Amino acid sequence: MNEKLTAQELHNLAMNIVGKDLENQGYEFLAVNSKLQRNPQFVIQKGKQMSFVVVRAICHPQKVSDMDKILVQKVKDHGEKFDATTFYAAVGLGHADDFEKPVLKDEDFAQLYPGIKQV
């Protein structure tokens, strides 16, 4: 039986998904932080507007719509010091055959990514 992805591996997977989306939207990356518990994960810029992005990998039974409002407010408050907007990006991850099962190494996964949301 294959191993479950670690919390850091799930986080990295979510960051890759969000990073590709940001790149496709034309954002420039000013800083990237992939360590767990370090926020924000992305500092980006489009035109002259700087933004902070908090990324979270979400697995069942947690819901993509659930947001750590205290954390996001803390990042938002920090961003305001730099005249930066703040976004939250949750990526739901599950096994490809059954979304309620964990993501396993070397097996397909399914994702639920509603995009970045300004907070």
PDB file of N, CA and C in Angstrom:
ATOM      1  N   MET A   1       0.840  -1.191   0.000  1.00  0.00           N
ATOM      2  CA  MET A   1       0.000   0.000   0.000  1.00  0.00           C
ATOM      3  C   MET A   1       0.881   1.249   0.000  1.00  0.00           C
ATOM      4  N   ASN A   2       0.508   2.216  -0.788  1.00  0.00           N
ATOM      5  CA  ASN A   2       1.278   3.453  -0.873  1.00  0.00           C
ATOM      6  C   ASN A   2       1.082   4.309   0.366  1.00  0.00           C
ATOM      7  N   GLU A   3       2.074   5.151   0.597  1.00  0.00           N
ATOM      8  CA  GLU A   3       2.034   6.047   1.748  1.00  0.00           C
ATOM      9  C   GLU A   3       1.195   7.285   1.460  1.00  0.00           C
ATOM     10  N   LYS A   4       0.620   7.839   2.529  1.00  0.00           N
ATOM     11  CA  LYS A   4      -0.079   9.119   2.420  1.00  0.00           C
ATOM     12  C   LYS A   4       0.953  10.227   2.231  1.00  0.00           C
ATOM     13  N   LEU A   5       0.554  11.284   1.529  1.00  0.00           N
ATOM     14  CA  LEU A   5       1.405  12.453   1.432  1.00  0.00           C
ATOM     15  C   LEU A   5       1.473  13.121   2.801  1.00  0.00           C
ATOM     16  N   THR A   6       2.637  13.646   3.139  1.00  0.00           N
ATOM     17  CA  THR A   6       2.798  14.363   4.404  1.00  0.00           C
ATOM     18  C   THR A   6       2.111  15.725   4.301  1.00  0.00           C
ATOM     19  N   ALA A   7       1.965  16.378   5.429  1.00  0.00           N
ATOM     20  CA  ALA A   7       1.360  17.719   5.438  1.00  0.00           C
ATOM     21  C   ALA A   7       2.171  18.670   4.561  1.00  0.00           C
ATOM     22  N   GLN A   8       3.497  18.572   4.616  1.00  0.00           N
ATOM     23  CA  GLN A   8       4.345  19.446   3.783  1.00  0.00           C
ATOM     24  C   GLN A   8       4.168  19.122   2.301  1.00  0.00           C
ATOM     25  N   GLU A   9       4.046  17.843   1.953  1.00  0.00           N
ATOM     26  CA  GLU A   9       3.844  17.466   0.549  1.00  0.00           C
ATOM     27  C   GLU A   9       2.484  17.944   0.036  1.00  0.00           C
ATOM     28  N   LEU A  10       1.451  17.846   0.858  1.00  0.00           N
ATOM     29  CA  LEU A  10       0.130  18.363   0.476  1.00  0.00           C
ATOM     30  C   LEU A  10       0.186  19.875   0.279  1.00  0.00           C
ATOM     31  N   HIS A  11       0.887  20.543   1.181  1.00  0.00           N
ATOM     32  CA  HIS A  11       1.042  21.998   1.100  1.00  0.00           C
ATOM     33  C   HIS A  11       1.768  22.383  -0.199  1.00  0.00           C
ATOM     34  N   ASN A  12       2.830  21.660  -0.524  1.00  0.00           N
ATOM     35  CA  ASN A  12       3.574  21.942  -1.751  1.00  0.00           C
ATOM     36  C   ASN A  12       2.709  21.718  -2.986  1.00  0.00           C
ATOM     37  N   LEU A  13       1.904  20.667  -2.964  1.00  0.00           N
ATOM     38  CA  LEU A  13       0.998  20.384  -4.073  1.00  0.00           C
ATOM     39  C   LEU A  13       0.000  21.535  -4.247  1.00  0.00           C
ATOM     40  N   ALA A  14      -0.575  21.986  -3.147  1.00  0.00           N
ATOM     41  CA  ALA A  14      -1.513  23.111  -3.200  1.00  0.00           C
ATOM     42  C   ALA A  14      -0.816  24.373  -3.711  1.00  0.00           C
ATOM     43  N   MET A  15       0.398  24.611  -3.260  1.00  0.00           N
ATOM     44  CA  MET A  15       1.139  25.789  -3.716  1.00  0.00           C
ATOM     45  C   MET A  15       1.409  25.729  -5.214  1.00  0.00           C
ATOM     46  N   ASN A  16       1.724  24.550  -5.733  1.00  0.00           N
ATOM     47  CA  ASN A  16       1.950  24.409  -7.181  1.00  0.00           C
ATOM     48  C   ASN A  16       0.682  24.740  -7.964  1.00  0.00           C
ATOM     49  N   ILE A  17      -0.455  24.265  -7.486  1.00  0.00           N
ATOM     50  CA  ILE A  17      -1.735  24.525  -8.154  1.00  0.00           C
ATOM     51  C   ILE A  17      -2.037  26.022  -8.148  1.00  0.00           C
ATOM     52  N   VAL A  18      -1.893  26.660  -6.995  1.00  0.00           N
ATOM     53  CA  VAL A  18      -2.166  28.091  -6.880  1.00  0.00           C
ATOM     54  C   VAL A  18      -1.134  28.892  -7.668  1.00  0.00           C
ATOM     55  N   GLY A  19       0.125  28.496  -7.587  1.00  0.00           N
ATOM     56  CA  GLY A  19       1.189  29.202  -8.308  1.00  0.00           C
ATOM     57  C   GLY A  19       0.950  29.224  -9.812  1.00  0.00           C
ATOM     58  N   LYS A  20       0.523  28.098 -10.379  1.00  0.00           N
ATOM     59  CA  LYS A  20       0.219  28.047 -11.817  1.00  0.00           C
ATOM     60  C   LYS A  20      -0.943  28.968 -12.158  1.00  0.00           C
ATOM     61  N   ASP A  21      -1.958  28.997 -11.286  1.00  0.00           N
ATOM     62  CA  ASP A  21      -3.101  29.882 -11.505  1.00  0.00           C
ATOM     63  C   ASP A  21      -2.656  31.344 -11.494  1.00  0.00           C
ATOM     64  N   LEU A  22      -1.843  31.722 -10.511  1.00  0.00           N
ATOM     65  CA  LEU A  22      -1.365  33.106 -10.417  1.00  0.00           C
ATOM     66  C   LEU A  22      -0.534  33.476 -11.640  1.00  0.00           C
ATOM     67  N   GLU A  23       0.306  32.566 -12.066  1.00  0.00           N
ATOM     68  CA  GLU A  23       1.133  32.794 -13.253  1.00  0.00           C
ATOM     69  C   GLU A  23       0.246  32.998 -14.489  1.00  0.00           C
ATOM     70  N   ASN A  24      -0.780  32.153 -14.639  1.00  0.00           N
ATOM     71  CA  ASN A  24      -1.709  32.283 -15.769  1.00  0.00           C
ATOM     72  C   ASN A  24      -2.482  33.598 -15.737  1.00  0.00           C
ATOM     73  N   GLN A  25      -2.673  34.149 -14.537  1.00  0.00           N
ATOM     74  CA  GLN A  25      -3.372  35.432 -14.402  1.00  0.00           C
ATOM     75  C   GLN A  25      -2.445  36.632 -14.606  1.00  0.00           C
ATOM     76  N   GLY A  26      -1.154  36.354 -14.822  1.00  0.00           N
ATOM     77  CA  GLY A  26      -0.209  37.426 -15.116  1.00  0.00           C
ATOM     78  C   GLY A  26       0.448  38.069 -13.918  1.00  0.00           C
ATOM     79  N   TYR A  27       0.415  37.416 -12.771  1.00  0.00           N
ATOM     80  CA  TYR A  27       1.076  37.962 -11.594  1.00  0.00           C
ATOM     81  C   TYR A  27       2.581  37.716 -11.666  1.00  0.00           C
ATOM     82  N   GLU A  28       3.335  38.649 -11.115  1.00  0.00           N
ATOM     83  CA  GLU A  28       4.778  38.516 -10.964  1.00  0.00           C
ATOM     84  C   GLU A  28       5.040  38.066  -9.528  1.00  0.00           C
ATOM     85  N   PHE A  29       5.927  37.108  -9.344  1.00  0.00           N
ATOM     86  CA  PHE A  29       6.244  36.596  -8.015  1.00  0.00           C
ATOM     87  C   PHE A  29       7.394  37.399  -7.420  1.00  0.00           C
ATOM     88  N   LEU A  30       7.134  38.013  -6.269  1.00  0.00           N
ATOM     89  CA  LEU A  30       8.159  38.767  -5.559  1.00  0.00           C
ATOM     90  C   LEU A  30       8.819  37.912  -4.486  1.00  0.00           C
ATOM     91  N   ALA A  31       8.051  37.003  -3.886  1.00  0.00           N
ATOM     92  CA  ALA A  31       8.575  36.101  -2.851  1.00  0.00           C
ATOM     93  C   ALA A  31       7.677  34.875  -2.772  1.00  0.00           C
ATOM     94  N   VAL A  32       8.321  33.732  -2.479  1.00  0.00           N
ATOM     95  CA  VAL A  32       7.600  32.470  -2.314  1.00  0.00           C
ATOM     96  C   VAL A  32       8.111  31.826  -1.035  1.00  0.00           C
ATOM     97  N   ASN A  33       7.165  31.403  -0.179  1.00  0.00           N
ATOM     98  CA  ASN A  33       7.539  30.737   1.064  1.00  0.00           C
ATOM     99  C   ASN A  33       6.726  29.460   1.172  1.00  0.00           C
ATOM    100  N   SER A  34       7.388  28.318   1.015  1.00  0.00           N
ATOM    101  CA  SER A  34       6.666  27.046   1.007  1.00  0.00           C
ATOM    102  C   SER A  34       6.687  26.324   2.351  1.00  0.00           C
ATOM    103  N   LYS A  35       7.273  26.929   3.367  1.00  0.00           N
ATOM    104  CA  LYS A  35       7.316  26.273   4.679  1.00  0.00           C
ATOM    105  C   LYS A  35       5.942  26.337   5.350  1.00  0.00           C
ATOM    106  N   LEU A  36       5.567  25.229   5.946  1.00  0.00           N
ATOM    107  CA  LEU A  36       4.318  25.208   6.715  1.00  0.00           C
ATOM    108  C   LEU A  36       4.390  26.235   7.842  1.00  0.00           C
ATOM    109  N   GLN A  37       3.257  26.806   8.156  1.00  0.00           N
ATOM    110  CA  GLN A  37       3.108  27.762   9.254  1.00  0.00           C
ATOM    111  C   GLN A  37       3.819  29.093   9.010  1.00  0.00           C
ATOM    112  N   ARG A  38       4.308  29.331   7.788  1.00  0.00           N
ATOM    113  CA  ARG A  38       4.890  30.628   7.431  1.00  0.00           C
ATOM    114  C   ARG A  38       3.940  31.303   6.463  1.00  0.00           C
ATOM    115  N   ASN A  39       3.581  32.526   6.751  1.00  0.00           N
ATOM    116  CA  ASN A  39       2.579  33.220   5.954  1.00  0.00           C
ATOM    117  C   ASN A  39       3.046  34.620   5.615  1.00  0.00           C
ATOM    118  N   PRO A  40       2.708  35.135   4.449  1.00  0.00           N
ATOM    119  CA  PRO A  40       1.965  34.502   3.366  1.00  0.00           C
ATOM    120  C   PRO A  40       2.868  33.563   2.557  1.00  0.00           C
ATOM    121  N   GLN A  41       2.242  32.718   1.732  1.00  0.00           N
ATOM    122  CA  GLN A  41       3.009  31.811   0.901  1.00  0.00           C
ATOM    123  C   GLN A  41       3.545  32.519  -0.347  1.00  0.00           C
ATOM    124  N   PHE A  42       2.749  33.429  -0.889  1.00  0.00           N
ATOM    125  CA  PHE A  42       3.174  34.181  -2.064  1.00  0.00           C
ATOM    126  C   PHE A  42       3.050  35.675  -1.801  1.00  0.00           C
ATOM    127  N   VAL A  43       4.056  36.421  -2.239  1.00  0.00           N
ATOM    128  CA  VAL A  43       3.959  37.865  -2.359  1.00  0.00           C
ATOM    129  C   VAL A  43       4.047  38.106  -3.860  1.00  0.00           C
ATOM    130  N   ILE A  44       2.984  38.682  -4.415  1.00  0.00           N
ATOM    131  CA  ILE A  44       2.871  38.829  -5.860  1.00  0.00           C
ATOM    132  C   ILE A  44       2.582  40.279  -6.223  1.00  0.00           C
ATOM    133  N   GLN A  45       2.727  40.563  -7.504  1.00  0.00           N
ATOM    134  CA  GLN A  45       2.446  41.918  -7.961  1.00  0.00           C
ATOM    135  C   GLN A  45       1.872  41.848  -9.371  1.00  0.00           C
ATOM    136  N   LYS A  46       0.900  42.707  -9.604  1.00  0.00           N
ATOM    137  CA  LYS A  46       0.329  42.876 -10.940  1.00  0.00           C
ATOM    138  C   LYS A  46       0.209  44.374 -11.140  1.00  0.00           C
ATOM    139  N   GLY A  47       0.891  44.879 -12.169  1.00  0.00           N
ATOM    140  CA  GLY A  47       0.990  46.322 -12.294  1.00  0.00           C
ATOM    141  C   GLY A  47       1.789  46.833 -11.116  1.00  0.00           C
ATOM    142  N   LYS A  48       1.225  47.788 -10.401  1.00  0.00           N
ATOM    143  CA  LYS A  48       1.923  48.317  -9.222  1.00  0.00           C
ATOM    144  C   LYS A  48       1.304  47.820  -7.924  1.00  0.00           C
ATOM    145  N   GLN A  49       0.279  46.951  -8.022  1.00  0.00           N
ATOM    146  CA  GLN A  49      -0.416  46.471  -6.823  1.00  0.00           C
ATOM    147  C   GLN A  49       0.247  45.205  -6.279  1.00  0.00           C
ATOM    148  N   MET A  50       0.760  45.298  -5.064  1.00  0.00           N
ATOM    149  CA  MET A  50       1.323  44.136  -4.386  1.00  0.00           C
ATOM    150  C   MET A  50       0.210  43.410  -3.648  1.00  0.00           C
ATOM    151  N   SER A  51       0.326  42.074  -3.597  1.00  0.00           N
ATOM    152  CA  SER A  51      -0.665  41.263  -2.887  1.00  0.00           C
ATOM    153  C   SER A  51       0.023  40.141  -2.134  1.00  0.00           C
ATOM    154  N   PHE A  52      -0.608  39.747  -1.025  1.00  0.00           N
ATOM    155  CA  PHE A  52      -0.185  38.592  -0.244  1.00  0.00           C
ATOM    156  C   PHE A  52      -1.203  37.478  -0.482  1.00  0.00           C
ATOM    157  N   VAL A  53      -0.710  36.239  -0.607  1.00  0.00           N
ATOM    158  CA  VAL A  53      -1.601  35.100  -0.816  1.00  0.00           C
ATOM    159  C   VAL A  53      -1.318  34.045   0.241  1.00  0.00           C
ATOM    160  N   VAL A  54      -2.359  33.679   0.983  1.00  0.00           N
ATOM    161  CA  VAL A  54      -2.299  32.591   1.956  1.00  0.00           C
ATOM    162  C   VAL A  54      -2.844  31.347   1.262  1.00  0.00           C
ATOM    163  N   VAL A  55      -2.056  30.268   1.242  1.00  0.00           N
ATOM    164  CA  VAL A  55      -2.446  29.017   0.582  1.00  0.00           C
ATOM    165  C   VAL A  55      -2.660  27.948   1.638  1.00  0.00           C
ATOM    166  N   ARG A  56      -3.744  27.197   1.491  1.00  0.00           N
ATOM    167  CA  ARG A  56      -4.017  26.090   2.399  1.00  0.00           C
ATOM    168  C   ARG A  56      -4.435  24.853   1.617  1.00  0.00           C
ATOM    169  N   ALA A  57      -3.823  23.724   1.952  1.00  0.00           N
ATOM    170  CA  ALA A  57      -4.234  22.419   1.431  1.00  0.00           C
ATOM    171  C   ALA A  57      -5.312  21.903   2.369  1.00  0.00           C
ATOM    172  N   ILE A  58      -6.460  21.553   1.812  1.00  0.00           N
ATOM    173  CA  ILE A  58      -7.607  21.124   2.606  1.00  0.00           C
ATOM    174  C   ILE A  58      -7.944  19.682   2.247  1.00  0.00           C
ATOM    175  N   CYS A  59      -8.080  18.844   3.255  1.00  0.00           N
ATOM    176  CA  CYS A  59      -8.445  17.441   3.037  1.00  0.00           C
ATOM    177  C   CYS A  59      -9.705  17.114   3.833  1.00  0.00           C
ATOM    178  N   HIS A  60     -10.467  16.149   3.329  1.00  0.00           N
ATOM    179  CA  HIS A  60     -11.699  15.706   3.983  1.00  0.00           C
ATOM    180  C   HIS A  60     -11.412  15.338   5.432  1.00  0.00           C
ATOM    181  N   PRO A  61     -12.215  15.696   6.388  1.00  0.00           N
ATOM    182  CA  PRO A  61     -13.559  16.251   6.315  1.00  0.00           C
ATOM    183  C   PRO A  61     -13.608  17.781   6.318  1.00  0.00           C
ATOM    184  N   GLN A  62     -12.452  18.440   6.310  1.00  0.00           N
ATOM    185  CA  GLN A  62     -12.435  19.895   6.261  1.00  0.00           C
ATOM    186  C   GLN A  62     -13.033  20.362   4.933  1.00  0.00           C
ATOM    187  N   LYS A  63     -13.610  21.543   4.917  1.00  0.00           N
ATOM    188  CA  LYS A  63     -14.225  22.090   3.709  1.00  0.00           C
ATOM    189  C   LYS A  63     -13.385  23.241   3.162  1.00  0.00           C
ATOM    190  N   VAL A  64     -13.343  23.342   1.849  1.00  0.00           N
ATOM    191  CA  VAL A  64     -12.594  24.420   1.197  1.00  0.00           C
ATOM    192  C   VAL A  64     -13.126  25.780   1.633  1.00  0.00           C
ATOM    193  N   SER A  65     -14.404  25.854   1.924  1.00  0.00           N
ATOM    194  CA  SER A  65     -15.012  27.128   2.322  1.00  0.00           C
ATOM    195  C   SER A  65     -14.640  27.550   3.740  1.00  0.00           C
ATOM    196  N   ASP A  66     -14.118  26.607   4.560  1.00  0.00           N
ATOM    197  CA  ASP A  66     -13.703  26.948   5.920  1.00  0.00           C
ATOM    198  C   ASP A  66     -12.379  27.713   5.861  1.00  0.00           C
ATOM    199  N   MET A  67     -12.333  28.874   6.496  1.00  0.00           N
ATOM    200  CA  MET A  67     -11.141  29.704   6.471  1.00  0.00           C
ATOM    201  C   MET A  67     -10.726  30.021   7.897  1.00  0.00           C
ATOM    202  N   ASP A  68      -9.441  30.003   8.140  1.00  0.00           N
ATOM    203  CA  ASP A  68      -8.910  30.417   9.431  1.00  0.00           C
ATOM    204  C   ASP A  68      -8.932  31.948   9.453  1.00  0.00           C
ATOM    205  N   LYS A  69     -10.038  32.494   9.923  1.00  0.00           N
ATOM    206  CA  LYS A  69     -10.258  33.941   9.849  1.00  0.00           C
ATOM    207  C   LYS A  69      -9.253  34.734  10.677  1.00  0.00           C
ATOM    208  N   ILE A  70      -8.804  34.181  11.789  1.00  0.00           N
ATOM    209  CA  ILE A  70      -7.830  34.883  12.628  1.00  0.00           C
ATOM    210  C   ILE A  70      -6.495  34.990  11.896  1.00  0.00           C
ATOM    211  N   LEU A  71      -6.043  33.893  11.298  1.00  0.00           N
ATOM    212  CA  LEU A  71      -4.795  33.905  10.538  1.00  0.00           C
ATOM    213  C   LEU A  71      -4.886  34.868   9.362  1.00  0.00           C
ATOM    214  N   VAL A  72      -5.963  34.771   8.597  1.00  0.00           N
ATOM    215  CA  VAL A  72      -6.112  35.615   7.416  1.00  0.00           C
ATOM    216  C   VAL A  72      -6.152  37.091   7.815  1.00  0.00           C
ATOM    217  N   GLN A  73      -6.823  37.413   8.910  1.00  0.00           N
ATOM    218  CA  GLN A  73      -6.861  38.807   9.371  1.00  0.00           C
ATOM    219  C   GLN A  73      -5.466  39.280   9.767  1.00  0.00           C
ATOM    220  N   LYS A  74      -4.695  38.416  10.398  1.00  0.00           N
ATOM    221  CA  LYS A  74      -3.328  38.764  10.791  1.00  0.00           C
ATOM    222  C   LYS A  74      -2.481  39.086   9.553  1.00  0.00           C
ATOM    223  N   VAL A  75      -2.594  38.250   8.506  1.00  0.00           N
ATOM    224  CA  VAL A  75      -1.850  38.487   7.264  1.00  0.00           C
ATOM    225  C   VAL A  75      -2.357  39.756   6.591  1.00  0.00           C
ATOM    226  N   LYS A  76      -3.663  39.966   6.601  1.00  0.00           N
ATOM    227  CA  LYS A  76      -4.254  41.165   6.002  1.00  0.00           C
ATOM    228  C   LYS A  76      -3.744  42.422   6.705  1.00  0.00           C
ATOM    229  N   ASP A  77      -3.714  42.400   8.028  1.00  0.00           N
ATOM    230  CA  ASP A  77      -3.210  43.538   8.798  1.00  0.00           C
ATOM    231  C   ASP A  77      -1.752  43.826   8.441  1.00  0.00           C
ATOM    232  N   HIS A  78      -0.958  42.770   8.300  1.00  0.00           N
ATOM    233  CA  HIS A  78       0.452  42.921   7.916  1.00  0.00           C
ATOM    234  C   HIS A  78       0.550  43.501   6.499  1.00  0.00           C
ATOM    235  N   GLY A  79      -0.284  43.007   5.599  1.00  0.00           N
ATOM    236  CA  GLY A  79      -0.272  43.484   4.226  1.00  0.00           C
ATOM    237  C   GLY A  79      -0.625  44.950   4.095  1.00  0.00           C
ATOM    238  N   GLU A  80      -1.521  45.421   4.953  1.00  0.00           N
ATOM    239  CA  GLU A  80      -1.927  46.826   4.889  1.00  0.00           C
ATOM    240  C   GLU A  80      -0.761  47.768   5.162  1.00  0.00           C
ATOM    241  N   LYS A  81       0.235  47.303   5.913  1.00  0.00           N
ATOM    242  CA  LYS A  81       1.432  48.114   6.158  1.00  0.00           C
ATOM    243  C   LYS A  81       2.203  48.361   4.867  1.00  0.00           C
ATOM    244  N   PHE A  82       2.011  47.492   3.878  1.00  0.00           N
ATOM    245  CA  PHE A  82       2.699  47.602   2.593  1.00  0.00           C
ATOM    246  C   PHE A  82       1.740  48.010   1.471  1.00  0.00           C
ATOM    247  N   ASP A  83       0.543  48.429   1.835  1.00  0.00           N
ATOM    248  CA  ASP A  83      -0.506  48.770   0.869  1.00  0.00           C
ATOM    249  C   ASP A  83      -0.785  47.582  -0.056  1.00  0.00           C
ATOM    250  N   ALA A  84      -0.748  46.383   0.514  1.00  0.00           N
ATOM    251  CA  ALA A  84      -0.961  45.153  -0.254  1.00  0.00           C
ATOM    252  C   ALA A  84      -2.359  44.601   0.003  1.00  0.00           C
ATOM    253  N   THR A  85      -2.958  44.055  -1.040  1.00  0.00           N
ATOM    254  CA  THR A  85      -4.216  43.341  -0.869  1.00  0.00           C
ATOM    255  C   THR A  85      -3.887  41.923  -0.407  1.00  0.00           C
ATOM    256  N   THR A  86      -4.866  41.254   0.185  1.00  0.00           N
ATOM    257  CA  THR A  86      -4.648  39.902   0.685  1.00  0.00           C
ATOM    258  C   THR A  86      -5.657  38.958   0.046  1.00  0.00           C
ATOM    259  N   PHE A  87      -5.151  37.803  -0.362  1.00  0.00           N
ATOM    260  CA  PHE A  87      -5.979  36.760  -0.946  1.00  0.00           C
ATOM    261  C   PHE A  87      -5.832  35.473  -0.153  1.00  0.00           C
ATOM    262  N   TYR A  88      -6.884  34.674  -0.178  1.00  0.00           N
ATOM    263  CA  TYR A  88      -6.888  33.340   0.440  1.00  0.00           C
ATOM    264  C   TYR A  88      -7.139  32.337  -0.674  1.00  0.00           C
ATOM    265  N   ALA A  89      -6.337  31.278  -0.697  1.00  0.00           N
ATOM    266  CA  ALA A  89      -6.475  30.247  -1.722  1.00  0.00           C
ATOM    267  C   ALA A  89      -6.480  28.878  -1.052  1.00  0.00           C
ATOM    268  N   ALA A  90      -7.653  28.268  -0.988  1.00  0.00           N
ATOM    269  CA  ALA A  90      -7.780  26.925  -0.422  1.00  0.00           C
ATOM    270  C   ALA A  90      -7.870  25.924  -1.579  1.00  0.00           C
ATOM    271  N   VAL A  91      -7.133  24.832  -1.442  1.00  0.00           N
ATOM    272  CA  VAL A  91      -7.146  23.783  -2.460  1.00  0.00           C
ATOM    273  C   VAL A  91      -7.577  22.487  -1.778  1.00  0.00           C
ATOM    274  N   GLY A  92      -8.749  21.999  -2.146  1.00  0.00           N
ATOM    275  CA  GLY A  92      -9.224  20.719  -1.630  1.00  0.00           C
ATOM    276  C   GLY A  92      -8.516  19.592  -2.364  1.00  0.00           C
ATOM    277  N   LEU A  93      -7.953  18.660  -1.618  1.00  0.00           N
ATOM    278  CA  LEU A  93      -7.213  17.549  -2.206  1.00  0.00           C
ATOM    279  C   LEU A  93      -7.744  16.225  -1.671  1.00  0.00           C
ATOM    280  N   GLY A  94      -7.901  15.265  -2.565  1.00  0.00           N
ATOM    281  CA  GLY A  94      -8.354  13.936  -2.175  1.00  0.00           C
ATOM    282  C   GLY A  94      -7.908  12.909  -3.199  1.00  0.00           C
ATOM    283  N   HIS A  95      -8.098  11.661  -2.881  1.00  0.00           N
ATOM    284  CA  HIS A  95      -7.744  10.578  -3.798  1.00  0.00           C
ATOM    285  C   HIS A  95      -8.636  10.658  -5.032  1.00  0.00           C
ATOM    286  N   ALA A  96      -8.087  10.335  -6.191  1.00  0.00           N
ATOM    287  CA  ALA A  96      -8.838  10.439  -7.448  1.00  0.00           C
ATOM    288  C   ALA A  96     -10.054   9.516  -7.476  1.00  0.00           C
ATOM    289  N   ASP A  97      -9.972   8.355  -6.852  1.00  0.00           N
ATOM    290  CA  ASP A  97     -11.083   7.400  -6.868  1.00  0.00           C
ATOM    291  C   ASP A  97     -12.162   7.716  -5.840  1.00  0.00           C
ATOM    292  N   ASP A  98     -11.766   8.355  -4.754  1.00  0.00           N
ATOM    293  CA  ASP A  98     -12.702   8.689  -3.679  1.00  0.00           C
ATOM    294  C   ASP A  98     -12.143   9.915  -2.957  1.00  0.00           C
ATOM    295  N   PHE A  99     -12.761  11.058  -3.189  1.00  0.00           N
ATOM    296  CA  PHE A  99     -12.250  12.326  -2.664  1.00  0.00           C
ATOM    297  C   PHE A  99     -12.136  12.328  -1.145  1.00  0.00           C
ATOM    298  N   GLU A 100     -12.891  11.479  -0.475  1.00  0.00           N
ATOM    299  CA  GLU A 100     -12.848  11.435   0.987  1.00  0.00           C
ATOM    300  C   GLU A 100     -11.649  10.650   1.511  1.00  0.00           C
ATOM    301  N   LYS A 101     -10.937   9.961   0.619  1.00  0.00           N
ATOM    302  CA  LYS A 101      -9.737   9.220   1.023  1.00  0.00           C
ATOM    303  C   LYS A 101      -8.514  10.108   0.845  1.00  0.00           C
ATOM    304  N   PRO A 102      -7.450   9.818   1.584  1.00  0.00           N
ATOM    305  CA  PRO A 102      -6.256  10.666   1.501  1.00  0.00           C
ATOM    306  C   PRO A 102      -5.522  10.512   0.166  1.00  0.00           C
ATOM    307  N   VAL A 103      -4.741  11.542  -0.141  1.00  0.00           N
ATOM    308  CA  VAL A 103      -3.883  11.503  -1.321  1.00  0.00           C
ATOM    309  C   VAL A 103      -2.701  10.588  -0.996  1.00  0.00           C
ATOM    310  N   LEU A 104      -2.425   9.660  -1.913  1.00  0.00           N
ATOM    311  CA  LEU A 104      -1.330   8.707  -1.723  1.00  0.00           C
ATOM    312  C   LEU A 104      -0.214   8.987  -2.710  1.00  0.00           C
ATOM    313  N   LYS A 105       1.009   8.728  -2.277  1.00  0.00           N
ATOM    314  CA  LYS A 105       2.160   8.899  -3.154  1.00  0.00           C
ATOM    315  C   LYS A 105       2.009   7.982  -4.359  1.00  0.00           C
ATOM    316  N   ASP A 106       2.395   8.501  -5.512  1.00  0.00           N
ATOM    317  CA  ASP A 106       2.396   7.745  -6.773  1.00  0.00           C
ATOM    318  C   ASP A 106       1.003   7.314  -7.224  1.00  0.00           C
ATOM    319  N   GLU A 107      -0.040   7.971  -6.737  1.00  0.00           N
ATOM    320  CA  GLU A 107      -1.401   7.695  -7.203  1.00  0.00           C
ATOM    321  C   GLU A 107      -2.056   9.010  -7.603  1.00  0.00           C
ATOM    322  N   ASP A 108      -3.045   8.918  -8.482  1.00  0.00           N
ATOM    323  CA  ASP A 108      -3.736  10.113  -8.947  1.00  0.00           C
ATOM    324  C   ASP A 108      -4.519  10.761  -7.811  1.00  0.00           C
ATOM    325  N   PHE A 109      -4.660  12.070  -7.917  1.00  0.00           N
ATOM    326  CA  PHE A 109      -5.427  12.823  -6.929  1.00  0.00           C
ATOM    327  C   PHE A 109      -6.466  13.675  -7.644  1.00  0.00           C
ATOM    328  N   ALA A 110      -7.450  14.112  -6.890  1.00  0.00           N
ATOM    329  CA  ALA A 110      -8.468  15.037  -7.383  1.00  0.00           C
ATOM    330  C   ALA A 110      -8.310  16.341  -6.609  1.00  0.00           C
ATOM    331  N   GLN A 111      -8.701  17.426  -7.249  1.00  0.00           N
ATOM    332  CA  GLN A 111      -8.584  18.728  -6.596  1.00  0.00           C
ATOM    333  C   GLN A 111      -9.870  19.528  -6.746  1.00  0.00           C
ATOM    334  N   LEU A 112     -10.108  20.342  -5.753  1.00  0.00           N
ATOM    335  CA  LEU A 112     -11.205  21.302  -5.784  1.00  0.00           C
ATOM    336  C   LEU A 112     -10.563  22.644  -5.455  1.00  0.00           C
ATOM    337  N   TYR A 113     -10.448  23.476  -6.486  1.00  0.00           N
ATOM    338  CA  TYR A 113      -9.784  24.771  -6.322  1.00  0.00           C
ATOM    339  C   TYR A 113     -10.676  25.866  -6.893  1.00  0.00           C
ATOM    340  N   PRO A 114     -11.355  26.603  -6.026  1.00  0.00           N
ATOM    341  CA  PRO A 114     -12.264  27.651  -6.498  1.00  0.00           C
ATOM    342  C   PRO A 114     -11.556  28.949  -6.895  1.00  0.00           C
ATOM    343  N   GLY A 115     -10.241  28.992  -6.781  1.00  0.00           N
ATOM    344  CA  GLY A 115      -9.496  30.206  -7.132  1.00  0.00           C
ATOM    345  C   GLY A 115      -9.185  31.051  -5.915  1.00  0.00           C
ATOM    346  N   ILE A 116      -8.443  32.119  -6.153  1.00  0.00           N
ATOM    347  CA  ILE A 116      -8.080  33.006  -5.035  1.00  0.00           C
ATOM    348  C   ILE A 116      -9.272  33.901  -4.706  1.00  0.00           C
ATOM    349  N   LYS A 117      -9.416  34.177  -3.433  1.00  0.00           N
ATOM    350  CA  LYS A 117     -10.505  35.036  -2.949  1.00  0.00           C
ATOM    351  C   LYS A 117      -9.912  36.197  -2.173  1.00  0.00           C
ATOM    352  N   GLN A 118     -10.248  37.420  -2.549  1.00  0.00           N
ATOM    353  CA  GLN A 118      -9.757  38.570  -1.813  1.00  0.00           C
ATOM    354  C   GLN A 118     -10.465  38.648  -0.469  1.00  0.00           C
ATOM    355  N   VAL A 119      -9.681  38.952   0.565  1.00  0.00           N
ATOM    356  CA  VAL A 119     -10.242  39.061   1.912  1.00  0.00           C
ATOM    357  C   VAL A 119     -10.042  40.471   2.441  1.00  0.00           C
TER     358      VAL A 119
END
